Amino acid sequence: MRPGPRNLITDVAGLRVGNAADAALKSGVTVLTADAPFACGVHVMGGAPGTRETDLLAPDRLVEQVDALVLAGGSAFGLGACDGVMAGLRAAGRGFAVGPVRVPIVPGAILFDLLNGGDKDWDESPYPALGRRAYEAAGPEFALGSHGAGTGALTAQWKGGLGSASAVLSDGTTVGALVAVNALGSVTAPSGQFWAAPYEIETEFGGLGLGGPFAPEDEPGPEKRLGEATTIAIVATDAALTKPGLTRMAVAAHDGLARAIVPSHTPYDGDLVFAVSTGARPAPDPFRLGYAAAAVLARAVARAVHAAAPAPGDLQPCWSARRP
């Protein structure tokens, strides 16, 4: 297993990602889309999710493909970002055809960043406009860390952020991950090493190697208030999978969150994983895809925190500013 050329989810050919953010708001939106609709599944394991159109992704529901996915800050207000993305898709003539009408299919998920020090005193929600901007910015290259949906993200100890990673399997199948890390739990051991260290490729998030054994008594308790959390992610592949197969891939990918965030899937996090297929290649053994999705997502979590950058008014330090 090796990274793709960008080490981003867009190494899955045809996918594009766009970010938009408001520095004063300390929040933002990330959109994944493509030139054509793509198959999608989802699995939720957190106890406090905030979602839109996820019921439609169940294997027994009518619509087989979606036009875009949205990851947003803003708690429930952030779901409005999907409206902006729908407007952009409608202007492009995209959407599920119902007679002469086209309805863009845009599932979304949000994280809670309303108490991160940003100015949230708006009269009109900024999220629809941020969604439209993120959609219009979508391309093969995008920034990690304090960008898009990761702009105002926090974890137990460090600033969170937006992360991505990819892997090319021995048969040529590509798997990628995109994640906005805003966890109640910690992404590092007390020594500063990432819990995801066993899955690091080269020095993609610092190259510190493995830390010591996990000692709960050495780990500080959550520094966030309960409910100020949620990690939302997308895993993608060019292997041809239907909604049932993608649902299983999303389930397997949650292992990556559990390996990289301690604890994950708490009653106060809305942890969710979308799974996407462009269908460009025959599907390999689903066991291999599930393992790859989990490993790539664990790496993406660490890369999110590794890339976070300081900004005025931050409530937490960046991992990059830690003392060795």
C-alpha atoms as a PDB file:
ATOM      1  CA  MET A   1       0.000   0.000   0.000  1.00  0.00           C
ATOM      2  CA  ARG A   2       1.429   3.361  -1.048  1.00  0.00           C
ATOM      3  CA  PRO A   3       0.003   6.892  -1.113  1.00  0.00           C
ATOM      4  CA  GLY A   4      -1.441   8.272  -4.310  1.00  0.00           C
ATOM      5  CA  PRO A   5       0.355  11.146  -6.050  1.00  0.00           C
ATOM      6  CA  ARG A   6      -1.386  13.856  -3.991  1.00  0.00           C
ATOM      7  CA  ASN A   7      -2.006  11.828  -0.825  1.00  0.00           C
ATOM      8  CA  LEU A   8      -5.535  13.263  -0.951  1.00  0.00           C
ATOM      9  CA  ILE A   9      -8.997  11.791  -1.478  1.00  0.00           C
ATOM     10  CA  THR A  10      -8.891  13.321  -4.964  1.00  0.00           C
ATOM     11  CA  ASP A  11      -6.393  10.635  -5.967  1.00  0.00           C
ATOM     12  CA  VAL A  12      -9.631   8.757  -6.666  1.00  0.00           C
ATOM     13  CA  ALA A  13      -9.932  10.015 -10.235  1.00  0.00           C
ATOM     14  CA  GLY A  14     -12.925  12.237 -10.931  1.00  0.00           C
ATOM     15  CA  LEU A  15     -13.452  13.496  -7.384  1.00  0.00           C
ATOM     16  CA  ARG A  16     -13.055  17.182  -6.516  1.00  0.00           C
ATOM     17  CA  VAL A  17     -12.994  18.942  -3.128  1.00  0.00           C
ATOM     18  CA  GLY A  18     -13.592  22.592  -2.302  1.00  0.00           C
ATOM     19  CA  ASN A  19     -13.196  24.582   0.910  1.00  0.00           C
ATOM     20  CA  ALA A  20     -14.714  27.846   2.085  1.00  0.00           C
ATOM     21  CA  ALA A  21     -14.351  29.537   5.466  1.00  0.00           C
ATOM     22  CA  ASP A  22     -14.925  32.728   7.415  1.00  0.00           C
ATOM     23  CA  ALA A  23     -11.991  33.617   9.676  1.00  0.00           C
ATOM     24  CA  ALA A  24     -14.060  35.800  12.017  1.00  0.00           C
ATOM     25  CA  LEU A  25     -16.722  33.112  12.269  1.00  0.00           C
ATOM     26  CA  LYS A  26     -14.046  30.447  12.876  1.00  0.00           C
ATOM     27  CA  SER A  27     -16.073  28.016  10.813  1.00  0.00           C
ATOM     28  CA  GLY A  28     -16.359  26.717   7.301  1.00  0.00           C
ATOM     29  CA  VAL A  29     -17.570  24.169   4.792  1.00  0.00           C
ATOM     30  CA  THR A  30     -15.962  21.419   2.728  1.00  0.00           C
ATOM     31  CA  VAL A  31     -17.673  19.939  -0.346  1.00  0.00           C
ATOM     32  CA  LEU A  32     -16.848  16.758  -2.237  1.00  0.00           C
ATOM     33  CA  THR A  33     -18.291  16.489  -5.732  1.00  0.00           C
ATOM     34  CA  ALA A  34     -17.520  15.071  -9.183  1.00  0.00           C
ATOM     35  CA  ASP A  35     -18.355  15.678 -12.815  1.00  0.00           C
ATOM     36  CA  ALA A  36     -20.965  12.907 -12.685  1.00  0.00           C
ATOM     37  CA  PRO A  37     -23.165  11.485  -9.899  1.00  0.00           C
ATOM     38  CA  PHE A  38     -21.547   8.823  -7.716  1.00  0.00           C
ATOM     39  CA  ALA A  39     -22.736   5.964  -5.512  1.00  0.00           C
ATOM     40  CA  CYS A  40     -22.753   6.609  -1.770  1.00  0.00           C
ATOM     41  CA  GLY A  41     -23.434   4.879   1.537  1.00  0.00           C
ATOM     42  CA  VAL A  42     -23.205   6.042   5.134  1.00  0.00           C
ATOM     43  CA  HIS A  43     -22.851   4.733   8.666  1.00  0.00           C
ATOM     44  CA  VAL A  44     -23.335   6.712  11.897  1.00  0.00           C
ATOM     45  CA  MET A  45     -21.754   5.528  15.164  1.00  0.00           C
ATOM     46  CA  GLY A  46     -21.748   8.691  17.267  1.00  0.00           C
ATOM     47  CA  GLY A  47     -24.546   9.409  19.698  1.00  0.00           C
ATOM     48  CA  ALA A  48     -25.219  13.013  18.635  1.00  0.00           C
ATOM     49  CA  PRO A  49     -25.255  13.257  14.828  1.00  0.00           C
ATOM     50  CA  GLY A  50     -26.457  16.157  12.723  1.00  0.00           C
ATOM     51  CA  THR A  51     -27.281  15.076   9.184  1.00  0.00           C
ATOM     52  CA  ARG A  52     -29.258  15.779   6.028  1.00  0.00           C
ATOM     53  CA  GLU A  53     -30.496  13.277   3.413  1.00  0.00           C
ATOM     54  CA  THR A  54     -28.678  10.347   5.022  1.00  0.00           C
ATOM     55  CA  ASP A  55     -31.852   8.223   5.133  1.00  0.00           C
ATOM     56  CA  LEU A  56     -31.793   8.321   1.336  1.00  0.00           C
ATOM     57  CA  LEU A  57     -28.458   6.487   1.346  1.00  0.00           C
ATOM     58  CA  ALA A  58     -29.855   3.302   2.924  1.00  0.00           C
ATOM     59  CA  PRO A  59     -29.486   0.303   0.589  1.00  0.00           C
ATOM     60  CA  ASP A  60     -33.260  -0.046   0.158  1.00  0.00           C
ATOM     61  CA  ARG A  61     -33.939   3.594  -0.800  1.00  0.00           C
ATOM     62  CA  LEU A  62     -34.750   4.774  -4.327  1.00  0.00           C
ATOM     63  CA  VAL A  63     -31.887   7.082  -5.312  1.00  0.00           C
ATOM     64  CA  GLU A  64     -28.687   5.221  -6.242  1.00  0.00           C
ATOM     65  CA  GLN A  65     -26.302   8.176  -6.653  1.00  0.00           C
ATOM     66  CA  VAL A  66     -25.607  11.611  -5.214  1.00  0.00           C
ATOM     67  CA  ASP A  67     -24.238  14.829  -6.728  1.00  0.00           C
ATOM     68  CA  ALA A  68     -22.165  16.092  -3.790  1.00  0.00           C
ATOM     69  CA  LEU A  69     -21.453  15.610  -0.096  1.00  0.00           C
ATOM     70  CA  VAL A  70     -21.118  18.396   2.473  1.00  0.00           C
ATOM     71  CA  LEU A  71     -19.060  18.511   5.676  1.00  0.00           C
ATOM     72  CA  ALA A  72     -19.743  21.694   7.639  1.00  0.00           C
ATOM     73  CA  GLY A  73     -19.234  23.465  10.912  1.00  0.00           C
ATOM     74  CA  GLY A  74     -22.047  25.374  12.559  1.00  0.00           C
ATOM     75  CA  SER A  75     -23.967  22.572  14.241  1.00  0.00           C
ATOM     76  CA  ALA A  76     -27.529  22.388  12.850  1.00  0.00           C
ATOM     77  CA  PHE A  77     -27.102  25.792  11.191  1.00  0.00           C
ATOM     78  CA  GLY A  78     -24.363  24.259   9.051  1.00  0.00           C
ATOM     79  CA  LEU A  79     -26.835  21.954   7.341  1.00  0.00           C
ATOM     80  CA  GLY A  80     -27.890  25.055   5.407  1.00  0.00           C
ATOM     81  CA  ALA A  81     -24.608  24.745   3.487  1.00  0.00           C
ATOM     82  CA  CYS A  82     -26.304  21.993   1.486  1.00  0.00           C
ATOM     83  CA  ASP A  83     -28.740  24.618   0.134  1.00  0.00           C
ATOM     84  CA  GLY A  84     -25.847  26.595  -1.324  1.00  0.00           C
ATOM     85  CA  VAL A  85     -24.367  23.488  -2.912  1.00  0.00           C
ATOM     86  CA  MET A  86     -27.767  22.553  -4.362  1.00  0.00           C
ATOM     87  CA  ALA A  87     -28.029  26.028  -5.894  1.00  0.00           C
ATOM     88  CA  GLY A  88     -24.644  25.615  -7.567  1.00  0.00           C
ATOM     89  CA  LEU A  89     -25.526  22.175  -8.885  1.00  0.00           C
ATOM     90  CA  ARG A  90     -28.909  23.369 -10.145  1.00  0.00           C
ATOM     91  CA  ALA A  91     -27.201  26.196 -12.038  1.00  0.00           C
ATOM     92  CA  ALA A  92     -24.985  23.540 -13.652  1.00  0.00           C
ATOM     93  CA  GLY A  93     -28.017  21.484 -14.717  1.00  0.00           C
ATOM     94  CA  ARG A  94     -27.265  18.673 -12.268  1.00  0.00           C
ATOM     95  CA  GLY A  95     -29.713  16.617 -10.226  1.00  0.00           C
ATOM     96  CA  PHE A  96     -32.027  13.628  -9.995  1.00  0.00           C
ATOM     97  CA  ALA A  97     -34.499  13.857 -12.868  1.00  0.00           C
ATOM     98  CA  VAL A  98     -38.205  13.872 -11.997  1.00  0.00           C
ATOM     99  CA  GLY A  99     -39.984  14.646 -15.226  1.00  0.00           C
ATOM    100  CA  PRO A 100     -38.717  18.040 -16.406  1.00  0.00           C
ATOM    101  CA  VAL A 101     -37.351  18.903 -12.941  1.00  0.00           C
ATOM    102  CA  ARG A 102     -33.887  18.108 -11.614  1.00  0.00           C
ATOM    103  CA  VAL A 103     -33.279  17.881  -7.874  1.00  0.00           C
ATOM    104  CA  PRO A 104     -29.608  17.854  -6.807  1.00  0.00           C
ATOM    105  CA  ILE A 105     -28.964  15.150  -4.188  1.00  0.00           C
ATOM    106  CA  VAL A 106     -26.650  16.590  -1.528  1.00  0.00           C
ATOM    107  CA  PRO A 107     -26.354  14.692   1.767  1.00  0.00           C
ATOM    108  CA  GLY A 108     -24.470  16.478   4.513  1.00  0.00           C
ATOM    109  CA  ALA A 109     -23.183  16.215   8.067  1.00  0.00           C
ATOM    110  CA  ILE A 110     -22.132  18.834  10.593  1.00  0.00           C
ATOM    111  CA  LEU A 111     -19.847  19.284  13.582  1.00  0.00           C
ATOM    112  CA  PHE A 112     -20.295  21.580  16.579  1.00  0.00           C
ATOM    113  CA  ASP A 113     -17.992  24.623  16.535  1.00  0.00           C
ATOM    114  CA  LEU A 114     -20.344  27.288  17.911  1.00  0.00           C
ATOM    115  CA  LEU A 115     -18.321  27.865  21.110  1.00  0.00           C
ATOM    116  CA  ASN A 116     -14.809  28.018  19.670  1.00  0.00           C
ATOM    117  CA  GLY A 117     -14.222  31.766  20.084  1.00  0.00           C
ATOM    118  CA  GLY A 118     -15.524  32.875  16.694  1.00  0.00           C
ATOM    119  CA  ASP A 119     -18.162  35.549  16.088  1.00  0.00           C
ATOM    120  CA  LYS A 120     -21.472  33.695  15.785  1.00  0.00           C
ATOM    121  CA  ASP A 121     -23.718  36.746  16.184  1.00  0.00           C
ATOM    122  CA  TRP A 122     -25.166  36.664  12.670  1.00  0.00           C
ATOM    123  CA  ASP A 123     -28.578  37.911  11.509  1.00  0.00           C
ATOM    124  CA  GLU A 124     -28.653  35.580   8.521  1.00  0.00           C
ATOM    125  CA  SER A 125     -26.933  32.209   8.499  1.00  0.00           C
ATOM    126  CA  PRO A 126     -23.633  32.350   6.579  1.00  0.00           C
ATOM    127  CA  TYR A 127     -23.653  28.653   5.740  1.00  0.00           C
ATOM    128  CA  PRO A 128     -25.638  28.609   2.456  1.00  0.00           C
ATOM    129  CA  ALA A 129     -23.182  31.127   0.980  1.00  0.00           C
ATOM    130  CA  LEU A 130     -20.196  29.189   2.336  1.00  0.00           C
ATOM    131  CA  GLY A 131     -21.603  26.020   0.784  1.00  0.00           C
ATOM    132  CA  ARG A 132     -21.925  27.686  -2.631  1.00  0.00           C
ATOM    133  CA  ARG A 133     -18.376  29.047  -2.394  1.00  0.00           C
ATOM    134  CA  ALA A 134     -16.965  25.656  -1.414  1.00  0.00           C
ATOM    135  CA  TYR A 135     -18.777  23.968  -4.302  1.00  0.00           C
ATOM    136  CA  GLU A 136     -17.492  26.528  -6.793  1.00  0.00           C
ATOM    137  CA  ALA A 137     -13.925  26.129  -5.432  1.00  0.00           C
ATOM    138  CA  ALA A 138     -13.894  22.339  -5.862  1.00  0.00           C
ATOM    139  CA  GLY A 139     -10.864  20.903  -7.619  1.00  0.00           C
ATOM    140  CA  PRO A 140      -8.222  18.177  -7.339  1.00  0.00           C
ATOM    141  CA  GLU A 141      -6.009  20.195  -4.943  1.00  0.00           C
ATOM    142  CA  PHE A 142      -7.178  21.573  -1.600  1.00  0.00           C
ATOM    143  CA  ALA A 143      -5.682  22.690   1.707  1.00  0.00           C
ATOM    144  CA  LEU A 144      -5.575  20.672   4.919  1.00  0.00           C
ATOM    145  CA  GLY A 145      -5.599  21.740   8.555  1.00  0.00           C
ATOM    146  CA  SER A 146      -7.463  24.948   9.453  1.00  0.00           C
ATOM    147  CA  HIS A 147      -9.515  25.140   6.274  1.00  0.00           C
ATOM    148  CA  GLY A 148     -13.060  24.348   5.205  1.00  0.00           C
ATOM    149  CA  ALA A 149     -15.030  22.341   7.748  1.00  0.00           C
ATOM    150  CA  GLY A 150     -11.872  22.060   9.863  1.00  0.00           C
ATOM    151  CA  THR A 151     -11.430  25.826  10.297  1.00  0.00           C
ATOM    152  CA  GLY A 152     -12.725  26.008  13.867  1.00  0.00           C
ATOM    153  CA  ALA A 153     -12.417  22.368  14.874  1.00  0.00           C
ATOM    154  CA  LEU A 154     -11.040  21.367  18.284  1.00  0.00           C
ATOM    155  CA  THR A 155     -10.037  18.141  20.019  1.00  0.00           C
ATOM    156  CA  ALA A 156      -9.375  17.273  23.655  1.00  0.00           C
ATOM    157  CA  GLN A 157      -5.909  18.854  23.595  1.00  0.00           C
ATOM    158  CA  TRP A 158      -5.099  20.388  20.210  1.00  0.00           C
ATOM    159  CA  LYS A 159      -6.779  22.320  17.462  1.00  0.00           C
ATOM    160  CA  GLY A 160      -8.529  19.956  15.093  1.00  0.00           C
ATOM    161  CA  GLY A 161      -8.757  20.426  11.365  1.00  0.00           C
ATOM    162  CA  LEU A 162      -9.388  19.004   7.928  1.00  0.00           C
ATOM    163  CA  GLY A 163      -7.396  15.931   6.918  1.00  0.00           C
ATOM    164  CA  SER A 164      -7.041  13.708   3.892  1.00  0.00           C
ATOM    165  CA  ALA A 165      -4.940  10.761   2.739  1.00  0.00           C
ATOM    166  CA  SER A 166      -4.935   8.111   0.036  1.00  0.00           C
ATOM    167  CA  ALA A 167      -3.583   4.665  -0.746  1.00  0.00           C
ATOM    168  CA  VAL A 168      -3.084   2.666  -3.925  1.00  0.00           C
ATOM    169  CA  LEU A 169      -3.479  -1.081  -3.401  1.00  0.00           C
ATOM    170  CA  SER A 170      -1.367  -3.721  -5.112  1.00  0.00           C
ATOM    171  CA  ASP A 171      -4.029  -4.298  -7.798  1.00  0.00           C
ATOM    172  CA  GLY A 172      -4.205  -0.572  -8.618  1.00  0.00           C
ATOM    173  CA  THR A 173      -7.404   0.199  -6.690  1.00  0.00           C
ATOM    174  CA  THR A 174      -7.318   3.631  -5.045  1.00  0.00           C
ATOM    175  CA  VAL A 175      -8.837   4.421  -1.648  1.00  0.00           C
ATOM    176  CA  GLY A 176      -8.976   7.906  -0.139  1.00  0.00           C
ATOM    177  CA  ALA A 177     -10.289   9.635   2.976  1.00  0.00           C
ATOM    178  CA  LEU A 178     -11.420  13.135   3.907  1.00  0.00           C
ATOM    179  CA  VAL A 179     -12.193  14.068   7.508  1.00  0.00           C
ATOM    180  CA  ALA A 180     -13.081  17.067   9.671  1.00  0.00           C
ATOM    181  CA  VAL A 181     -11.704  16.275  13.148  1.00  0.00           C
ATOM    182  CA  ASN A 182     -13.579  17.951  16.016  1.00  0.00           C
ATOM    183  CA  ALA A 183     -13.445  15.171  18.571  1.00  0.00           C
ATOM    184  CA  LEU A 184     -14.244  15.056  22.265  1.00  0.00           C
ATOM    185  CA  GLY A 185     -11.370  12.586  22.542  1.00  0.00           C
ATOM    186  CA  SER A 186      -7.636  12.913  21.996  1.00  0.00           C
ATOM    187  CA  VAL A 187      -5.664  12.202  18.821  1.00  0.00           C
ATOM    188  CA  THR A 188      -2.327  11.880  20.622  1.00  0.00           C
ATOM    189  CA  ALA A 189      -0.771  10.024  23.514  1.00  0.00           C
ATOM    190  CA  PRO A 190       0.467  12.150  26.444  1.00  0.00           C
ATOM    191  CA  SER A 191       3.911  12.068  24.805  1.00  0.00           C
ATOM    192  CA  GLY A 192       2.560  13.813  21.701  1.00  0.00           C
ATOM    193  CA  GLN A 193       2.729  10.834  19.345  1.00  0.00           C
ATOM    194  CA  PHE A 194      -0.368  10.278  17.267  1.00  0.00           C
ATOM    195  CA  TRP A 195      -2.490   7.233  18.060  1.00  0.00           C
ATOM    196  CA  ALA A 196      -2.505   6.684  14.275  1.00  0.00           C
ATOM    197  CA  ALA A 197       1.300   6.276  14.221  1.00  0.00           C
ATOM    198  CA  PRO A 198       1.221   2.553  13.242  1.00  0.00           C
ATOM    199  CA  TYR A 199      -0.404   3.541   9.936  1.00  0.00           C
ATOM    200  CA  GLU A 200       1.819   6.506   9.042  1.00  0.00           C
ATOM    201  CA  ILE A 201       3.519   6.373   5.635  1.00  0.00           C
ATOM    202  CA  GLU A 202       6.924   8.061   5.569  1.00  0.00           C
ATOM    203  CA  THR A 203       6.611  11.292   7.615  1.00  0.00           C
ATOM    204  CA  GLU A 204       3.141  12.443   6.584  1.00  0.00           C
ATOM    205  CA  PHE A 205       2.275  13.582  10.113  1.00  0.00           C
ATOM    206  CA  GLY A 206       5.598  14.163  11.798  1.00  0.00           C
ATOM    207  CA  GLY A 207       7.300  10.769  11.708  1.00  0.00           C
ATOM    208  CA  LEU A 208       7.496  10.505  15.493  1.00  0.00           C
ATOM    209  CA  GLY A 209       6.793   6.801  15.515  1.00  0.00           C
ATOM    210  CA  LEU A 210       4.978   4.957  18.271  1.00  0.00           C
ATOM    211  CA  GLY A 211       4.410   6.430  21.715  1.00  0.00           C
ATOM    212  CA  GLY A 212       4.316   4.537  24.956  1.00  0.00           C
ATOM    213  CA  PRO A 213       1.401   2.340  26.012  1.00  0.00           C
ATOM    214  CA  PHE A 214      -1.885   4.074  26.668  1.00  0.00           C
ATOM    215  CA  ALA A 215      -2.130   4.994  30.323  1.00  0.00           C
ATOM    216  CA  PRO A 216      -5.580   6.418  31.122  1.00  0.00           C
ATOM    217  CA  GLU A 217      -4.387   8.001  34.326  1.00  0.00           C
ATOM    218  CA  ASP A 218      -1.885  10.080  32.304  1.00  0.00           C
ATOM    219  CA  GLU A 219      -4.435  11.269  29.766  1.00  0.00           C
ATOM    220  CA  PRO A 220      -6.140  14.558  30.646  1.00  0.00           C
ATOM    221  CA  GLY A 221      -9.914  14.579  30.753  1.00  0.00           C
ATOM    222  CA  PRO A 222     -11.899  16.282  28.004  1.00  0.00           C
ATOM    223  CA  GLU A 223     -11.259  20.011  27.885  1.00  0.00           C
ATOM    224  CA  LYS A 224     -14.344  20.574  25.740  1.00  0.00           C
ATOM    225  CA  ARG A 225     -17.853  20.780  27.067  1.00  0.00           C
ATOM    226  CA  LEU A 226     -19.948  17.737  26.343  1.00  0.00           C
ATOM    227  CA  GLY A 227     -21.714  18.201  23.035  1.00  0.00           C
ATOM    228  CA  GLU A 228     -18.989  20.389  21.468  1.00  0.00           C
ATOM    229  CA  ALA A 229     -17.767  17.575  19.289  1.00  0.00           C
ATOM    230  CA  THR A 230     -18.149  15.288  16.241  1.00  0.00           C
ATOM    231  CA  THR A 231     -15.789  13.895  13.634  1.00  0.00           C
ATOM    232  CA  ILE A 232     -17.285  13.594  10.144  1.00  0.00           C
ATOM    233  CA  ALA A 233     -15.579  11.799   7.284  1.00  0.00           C
ATOM    234  CA  ILE A 234     -15.773  10.507   3.728  1.00  0.00           C
ATOM    235  CA  VAL A 235     -13.938   7.479   2.374  1.00  0.00           C
ATOM    236  CA  ALA A 236     -13.842   6.943  -1.374  1.00  0.00           C
ATOM    237  CA  THR A 237     -12.694   4.390  -3.921  1.00  0.00           C
ATOM    238  CA  ASP A 238     -12.639   3.876  -7.670  1.00  0.00           C
ATOM    239  CA  ALA A 239     -13.757   0.264  -7.134  1.00  0.00           C
ATOM    240  CA  ALA A 240     -17.292  -0.425  -8.356  1.00  0.00           C
ATOM    241  CA  LEU A 241     -19.497  -0.794  -5.270  1.00  0.00           C
ATOM    242  CA  THR A 242     -23.253  -0.505  -4.843  1.00  0.00           C
ATOM    243  CA  LYS A 243     -24.937   1.112  -1.832  1.00  0.00           C
ATOM    244  CA  PRO A 244     -24.857  -2.114   0.227  1.00  0.00           C
ATOM    245  CA  GLY A 245     -21.130  -2.524  -0.408  1.00  0.00           C
ATOM    246  CA  LEU A 246     -20.469   1.119   0.373  1.00  0.00           C
ATOM    247  CA  THR A 247     -22.452   0.859   3.591  1.00  0.00           C
ATOM    248  CA  ARG A 248     -20.182  -1.993   4.695  1.00  0.00           C
ATOM    249  CA  MET A 249     -17.117   0.027   3.671  1.00  0.00           C
ATOM    250  CA  ALA A 250     -18.336   2.923   5.821  1.00  0.00           C
ATOM    251  CA  VAL A 251     -18.809   0.553   8.772  1.00  0.00           C
ATOM    252  CA  ALA A 252     -15.257  -0.772   8.372  1.00  0.00           C
ATOM    253  CA  ALA A 253     -13.828   2.736   8.022  1.00  0.00           C
ATOM    254  CA  HIS A 254     -15.073   3.631  11.516  1.00  0.00           C
ATOM    255  CA  ASP A 255     -12.250   1.410  12.787  1.00  0.00           C
ATOM    256  CA  GLY A 256      -9.928   4.142  11.542  1.00  0.00           C
ATOM    257  CA  LEU A 257     -11.590   6.690  13.812  1.00  0.00           C
ATOM    258  CA  ALA A 258     -11.299   4.320  16.771  1.00  0.00           C
ATOM    259  CA  ARG A 259      -7.588   3.802  16.067  1.00  0.00           C
ATOM    260  CA  ALA A 260      -6.826   7.513  15.735  1.00  0.00           C
ATOM    261  CA  ILE A 261      -9.120   9.126  18.363  1.00  0.00           C
ATOM    262  CA  VAL A 262      -9.354   8.014  22.008  1.00  0.00           C
ATOM    263  CA  PRO A 263     -12.194   7.743  22.836  1.00  0.00           C
ATOM    264  CA  SER A 264     -14.284   7.889  19.665  1.00  0.00           C
ATOM    265  CA  HIS A 265     -17.998   7.271  18.982  1.00  0.00           C
ATOM    266  CA  THR A 266     -19.026   8.716  22.344  1.00  0.00           C
ATOM    267  CA  PRO A 267     -22.624   9.672  23.182  1.00  0.00           C
ATOM    268  CA  TYR A 268     -21.556  13.312  22.723  1.00  0.00           C
ATOM    269  CA  ASP A 269     -19.923  12.937  19.290  1.00  0.00           C
ATOM    270  CA  GLY A 270     -21.922  12.604  16.072  1.00  0.00           C
ATOM    271  CA  ASP A 271     -19.227  10.503  14.394  1.00  0.00           C
ATOM    272  CA  LEU A 272     -20.230   9.600  10.853  1.00  0.00           C
ATOM    273  CA  VAL A 273     -18.572   8.166   7.734  1.00  0.00           C
ATOM    274  CA  PHE A 274     -19.843   8.478   4.173  1.00  0.00           C
ATOM    275  CA  ALA A 275     -18.457   5.999   1.621  1.00  0.00           C
ATOM    276  CA  VAL A 276     -18.247   6.874  -2.079  1.00  0.00           C
ATOM    277  CA  SER A 277     -17.532   4.950  -5.284  1.00  0.00           C
ATOM    278  CA  THR A 278     -16.829   6.308  -8.756  1.00  0.00           C
ATOM    279  CA  GLY A 279     -17.165   2.770 -10.165  1.00  0.00           C
ATOM    280  CA  ALA A 280     -14.188   3.054 -12.527  1.00  0.00           C
ATOM    281  CA  ARG A 281     -12.605  -0.316 -11.648  1.00  0.00           C
ATOM    282  CA  PRO A 282     -13.790  -3.817 -10.763  1.00  0.00           C
ATOM    283  CA  ALA A 283     -14.144  -4.268  -7.020  1.00  0.00           C
ATOM    284  CA  PRO A 284     -11.443  -6.294  -5.219  1.00  0.00           C
ATOM    285  CA  ASP A 285     -12.062  -8.421  -2.143  1.00  0.00           C
ATOM    286  CA  PRO A 286     -14.227  -6.283   0.189  1.00  0.00           C
ATOM    287  CA  PHE A 287     -11.994  -7.326   3.102  1.00  0.00           C
ATOM    288  CA  ARG A 288      -9.099  -5.446   1.495  1.00  0.00           C
ATOM    289  CA  LEU A 289     -11.213  -2.384   0.826  1.00  0.00           C
ATOM    290  CA  GLY A 290     -12.478  -2.235   4.403  1.00  0.00           C
ATOM    291  CA  TYR A 291      -8.990  -2.538   5.852  1.00  0.00           C
ATOM    292  CA  ALA A 292      -7.615   0.100   3.478  1.00  0.00           C
ATOM    293  CA  ALA A 293     -10.466   2.514   4.261  1.00  0.00           C
ATOM    294  CA  ALA A 294      -9.814   2.234   8.009  1.00  0.00           C
ATOM    295  CA  ALA A 295      -6.053   2.696   7.640  1.00  0.00           C
ATOM    296  CA  VAL A 296      -6.381   5.673   5.295  1.00  0.00           C
ATOM    297  CA  LEU A 297      -8.959   7.349   7.553  1.00  0.00           C
ATOM    298  CA  ALA A 298      -6.706   6.942  10.608  1.00  0.00           C
ATOM    299  CA  ARG A 299      -3.901   8.655   8.680  1.00  0.00           C
ATOM    300  CA  ALA A 300      -6.231  11.448   7.559  1.00  0.00           C
ATOM    301  CA  VAL A 301      -7.233  12.144  11.181  1.00  0.00           C
ATOM    302  CA  ALA A 302      -3.615  12.623  12.219  1.00  0.00           C
ATOM    303  CA  ARG A 303      -2.848  14.741   9.150  1.00  0.00           C
ATOM    304  CA  ALA A 304      -5.751  17.055  10.067  1.00  0.00           C
ATOM    305  CA  VAL A 305      -4.307  17.875  13.478  1.00  0.00           C
ATOM    306  CA  HIS A 306      -0.717  17.872  12.210  1.00  0.00           C
ATOM    307  CA  ALA A 307      -1.617  20.566   9.625  1.00  0.00           C
ATOM    308  CA  ALA A 308      -3.694  22.841  11.886  1.00  0.00           C
ATOM    309  CA  ALA A 309      -2.454  26.449  11.963  1.00  0.00           C
ATOM    310  CA  PRO A 310      -2.789  29.116  14.675  1.00  0.00           C
ATOM    311  CA  ALA A 311      -5.275  31.980  14.317  1.00  0.00           C
ATOM    312  CA  PRO A 312      -6.265  34.949  16.488  1.00  0.00           C
ATOM    313  CA  GLY A 313      -8.604  34.040  19.319  1.00  0.00           C
ATOM    314  CA  ASP A 314      -7.775  30.325  19.359  1.00  0.00           C
ATOM    315  CA  LEU A 315      -8.899  28.434  22.448  1.00  0.00           C
ATOM    316  CA  GLN A 316      -6.427  25.585  21.969  1.00  0.00           C
ATOM    317  CA  PRO A 317      -2.821  25.274  20.798  1.00  0.00           C
ATOM    318  CA  CYS A 318      -1.760  23.673  17.546  1.00  0.00           C
ATOM    319  CA  TRP A 319       0.048  20.333  17.662  1.00  0.00           C
ATOM    320  CA  SER A 320       2.870  21.943  15.661  1.00  0.00           C
ATOM    321  CA  ALA A 321       3.503  24.377  18.536  1.00  0.00           C
ATOM    322  CA  ARG A 322       3.984  21.645  21.160  1.00  0.00           C
ATOM    323  CA  ARG A 323       7.234  21.369  23.094  1.00  0.00           C
ATOM    324  CA  PRO A 324       9.256  18.307  21.973  1.00  0.00           C
END
